[in-house]
Amino acid sequence: METTSRPSNDHLNDWLRDAHAMEEQAETMLSSMLSRIKNYPELSQRISQHIEETRGQQAVVKRCLERRGQDNSTMKDMAAKAMATFQGFSGALASDEIVKGSMFSFAFENLEIAAYKNIIEAARYVGDTETAVECERILQEEIAMAQWLEKNTGAVVRHFLMLADEPDATAKR
């Protein structure tokens, strides 16, 4: 599906490139966090699951771009990965890394939700129903992850504090 050069199509293409970069950032950020989680098995399992979902989302967005005669932006992808790497390094220095990581993940999931809602509306506007349908599926995965984080944040915080009170435990991860 070659897209005509209209501002609305151009914006949709840009937003899809942004979404691809955002998914690259999410994968890097989540993988970094997962590599350091030791004492939170449920969170670790859910992050592992979402990393696989994120990889699938990257592939879907890339297919949407290709179908529209576009490529992902290598520069945006690299910048997003660099930001995520920096976030991983800075998180590793925090004494409450797991809590801050959970907070940031919840905020990032909501950013992704907002981005996909915009993409879906733009795709519908320009008549690209296939992109709208594909991004609806991605949106549901992002909503599910955000809801899981929201529901389980209290348990993560309580577990962190319990470990923090134990003299020989490592609470931050």
Protein backbone atom coordinates (compact mmCIF):
# COMPACT_ATOMS: atom_id res chain seq x y z
CA MET A 1 0.00 0.00 0.00
CA GLU A 2 1.88 3.04 -1.26
CA THR A 3 0.62 6.12 0.56
CA THR A 4 -0.06 9.37 -1.19
CA SER A 5 1.83 12.39 0.05
CA ARG A 6 -0.77 14.11 2.18
CA PRO A 7 0.06 15.64 5.54
CA SER A 8 -2.24 13.16 7.30
CA ASN A 9 -0.39 10.19 5.74
CA ASP A 10 2.96 11.79 6.53
CA HIS A 11 1.96 12.18 10.18
CA LEU A 12 0.78 8.59 10.40
CA ASN A 13 4.07 7.40 8.89
CA ASP A 14 6.03 9.52 11.38
CA TRP A 15 3.99 8.19 14.30
CA LEU A 16 4.55 4.62 13.15
CA ARG A 17 8.31 5.27 13.01
CA ASP A 18 8.07 6.77 16.51
CA ALA A 19 6.19 3.67 17.69
CA HIS A 20 8.87 1.40 16.26
CA ALA A 21 11.56 3.37 18.08
CA MET A 22 9.43 3.34 21.25
CA GLU A 23 9.20 -0.47 21.08
CA GLU A 24 12.98 -0.69 20.59
CA GLN A 25 13.37 1.48 23.68
CA ALA A 26 10.91 -0.64 25.64
CA GLU A 27 12.71 -3.87 24.76
CA THR A 28 16.09 -2.45 25.81
CA MET A 29 14.70 -0.96 29.02
CA LEU A 30 12.79 -4.11 30.02
CA SER A 31 15.69 -6.42 29.16
CA SER A 32 18.05 -4.30 31.26
CA MET A 33 15.66 -4.36 34.20
CA LEU A 34 15.02 -8.11 33.83
CA SER A 35 18.74 -8.89 33.87
CA ARG A 36 18.99 -7.47 37.40
CA ILE A 37 15.77 -8.76 39.01
CA LYS A 38 16.54 -11.37 41.66
CA ASN A 39 13.87 -11.25 44.35
CA TYR A 40 10.66 -10.57 42.42
CA PRO A 41 9.71 -13.73 40.48
CA GLU A 42 6.20 -12.63 39.44
CA LEU A 43 7.47 -9.30 38.13
CA SER A 44 10.33 -11.08 36.38
CA GLN A 45 7.92 -13.49 34.68
CA ARG A 46 5.58 -10.70 33.55
CA ILE A 47 8.46 -8.62 32.20
CA SER A 48 9.75 -11.66 30.28
CA GLN A 49 6.31 -12.12 28.76
CA HIS A 50 6.09 -8.44 27.82
CA ILE A 51 9.54 -8.49 26.22
CA GLU A 52 8.25 -11.19 23.86
CA GLU A 53 5.11 -9.14 23.21
CA THR A 54 7.28 -6.08 22.55
CA ARG A 55 9.36 -7.95 19.99
CA GLY A 56 6.17 -8.97 18.25
CA GLN A 57 4.94 -5.38 18.37
CA GLN A 58 8.16 -4.19 16.72
CA ALA A 59 7.60 -6.66 13.89
CA VAL A 60 3.96 -5.60 13.45
CA VAL A 61 4.83 -1.90 13.32
CA LYS A 62 7.64 -2.62 10.84
CA ARG A 63 5.18 -4.54 8.61
CA CYS A 64 2.73 -1.63 8.81
CA LEU A 65 5.47 0.75 7.71
CA GLU A 66 6.59 -1.53 4.88
CA ARG A 67 3.01 -1.99 3.67
CA ARG A 68 2.76 1.79 3.56
CA GLY A 69 5.99 1.98 1.51
CA GLN A 70 8.01 3.29 4.46
CA ASP A 71 11.00 2.23 6.56
CA ASN A 72 11.56 2.57 10.29
CA SER A 73 13.93 5.36 11.26
CA THR A 74 17.33 3.92 12.15
CA MET A 75 18.24 7.20 13.85
CA LYS A 76 15.09 7.19 16.00
CA ASP A 77 15.63 3.51 16.86
CA MET A 78 19.26 4.15 17.87
CA ALA A 79 18.35 7.21 19.94
CA ALA A 80 15.59 5.30 21.72
CA LYS A 81 17.91 2.39 22.53
CA ALA A 82 20.56 4.80 23.80
CA MET A 83 18.01 6.48 26.09
CA ALA A 84 16.90 3.10 27.42
CA THR A 85 20.50 2.03 28.03
CA PHE A 86 21.13 5.23 29.98
CA GLN A 87 17.93 4.64 31.99
CA GLY A 88 19.16 1.13 32.78
CA PHE A 89 22.51 2.42 34.01
CA SER A 90 20.92 5.12 36.12
CA GLY A 91 18.42 2.66 37.58
CA ALA A 92 21.20 0.31 38.60
CA LEU A 93 22.59 3.06 40.83
CA ALA A 94 19.33 3.66 42.71
CA SER A 95 18.94 2.03 46.11
CA ASP A 96 15.27 1.39 45.28
CA GLU A 97 15.77 0.36 41.66
CA ILE A 98 12.88 -2.11 41.54
CA VAL A 99 10.36 0.46 42.78
CA LYS A 100 11.59 3.18 40.44
CA GLY A 101 11.75 0.71 37.56
CA SER A 102 8.15 -0.34 38.18
CA MET A 103 7.04 3.30 38.33
CA PHE A 104 8.83 4.15 35.10
CA SER A 105 7.47 1.03 33.38
CA PHE A 106 3.92 1.98 34.36
CA ALA A 107 4.40 5.50 33.02
CA PHE A 108 6.00 4.18 29.81
CA GLU A 109 3.14 1.72 29.22
CA ASN A 110 0.69 4.62 29.46
CA LEU A 111 2.78 6.61 26.98
CA GLU A 112 2.59 3.64 24.60
CA ILE A 113 -1.18 3.41 25.12
CA ALA A 114 -1.60 7.07 24.21
CA ALA A 115 0.65 6.70 21.15
CA TYR A 116 -1.24 3.69 19.81
CA LYS A 117 -4.60 5.38 20.34
CA ASN A 118 -3.35 8.27 18.19
CA ILE A 119 -2.00 5.91 15.52
CA ILE A 120 -5.28 3.99 15.38
CA GLU A 121 -7.27 7.20 14.89
CA ALA A 122 -4.85 8.44 12.21
CA ALA A 123 -4.95 5.08 10.41
CA ARG A 124 -8.75 5.16 10.39
CA TYR A 125 -8.71 8.75 9.15
CA VAL A 126 -6.49 7.94 6.15
CA GLY A 127 -8.37 4.70 5.44
CA ASP A 128 -5.61 2.28 6.47
CA THR A 129 -7.84 -0.22 8.25
CA GLU A 130 -5.14 -2.90 8.35
CA THR A 131 -2.81 -0.67 10.37
CA ALA A 132 -5.70 0.30 12.65
CA VAL A 133 -6.55 -3.37 13.31
CA GLU A 134 -2.90 -4.34 13.89
CA CYS A 135 -2.36 -1.45 16.30
CA GLU A 136 -5.59 -2.29 18.16
CA ARG A 137 -4.03 -5.66 19.00
CA ILE A 138 -0.85 -3.95 20.20
CA LEU A 139 -2.93 -1.50 22.23
CA GLN A 140 -4.63 -4.36 24.07
CA GLU A 141 -1.24 -5.84 25.05
CA GLU A 142 -0.05 -2.45 26.31
CA ILE A 143 -3.25 -1.95 28.31
CA ALA A 144 -2.88 -5.43 29.83
CA MET A 145 0.71 -4.69 30.90
CA ALA A 146 -0.24 -1.31 32.38
CA GLN A 147 -3.12 -2.91 34.29
CA TRP A 148 -0.84 -5.68 35.58
CA LEU A 149 1.69 -3.12 36.81
CA GLU A 150 -1.03 -1.01 38.42
CA LYS A 151 -2.52 -4.04 40.17
CA ASN A 152 0.85 -5.37 41.39
CA THR A 153 2.68 -2.18 42.35
CA GLY A 154 1.60 -2.44 45.97
CA ALA A 155 2.96 -5.99 46.25
CA VAL A 156 6.29 -4.93 44.72
CA VAL A 157 6.59 -2.01 47.15
CA ARG A 158 5.69 -4.16 50.17
CA HIS A 159 8.16 -6.87 49.14
CA PHE A 160 10.86 -4.25 48.60
CA LEU A 161 10.25 -2.75 52.06
CA MET A 162 10.20 -6.18 53.70
CA LEU A 163 13.57 -7.02 52.10
CA ALA A 164 14.91 -3.57 52.99
CA ASP A 165 14.19 -4.33 56.66
CA GLU A 166 16.12 -7.62 56.56
CA PRO A 167 19.80 -7.03 57.38
CA ASP A 168 21.30 -9.45 54.82
CA ALA A 169 18.76 -9.12 51.98
CA THR A 170 19.20 -7.24 48.75
CA ALA A 171 16.00 -5.28 48.32
CA LYS A 172 16.74 -3.07 45.34
CA ARG A 173 16.44 -5.95 42.89
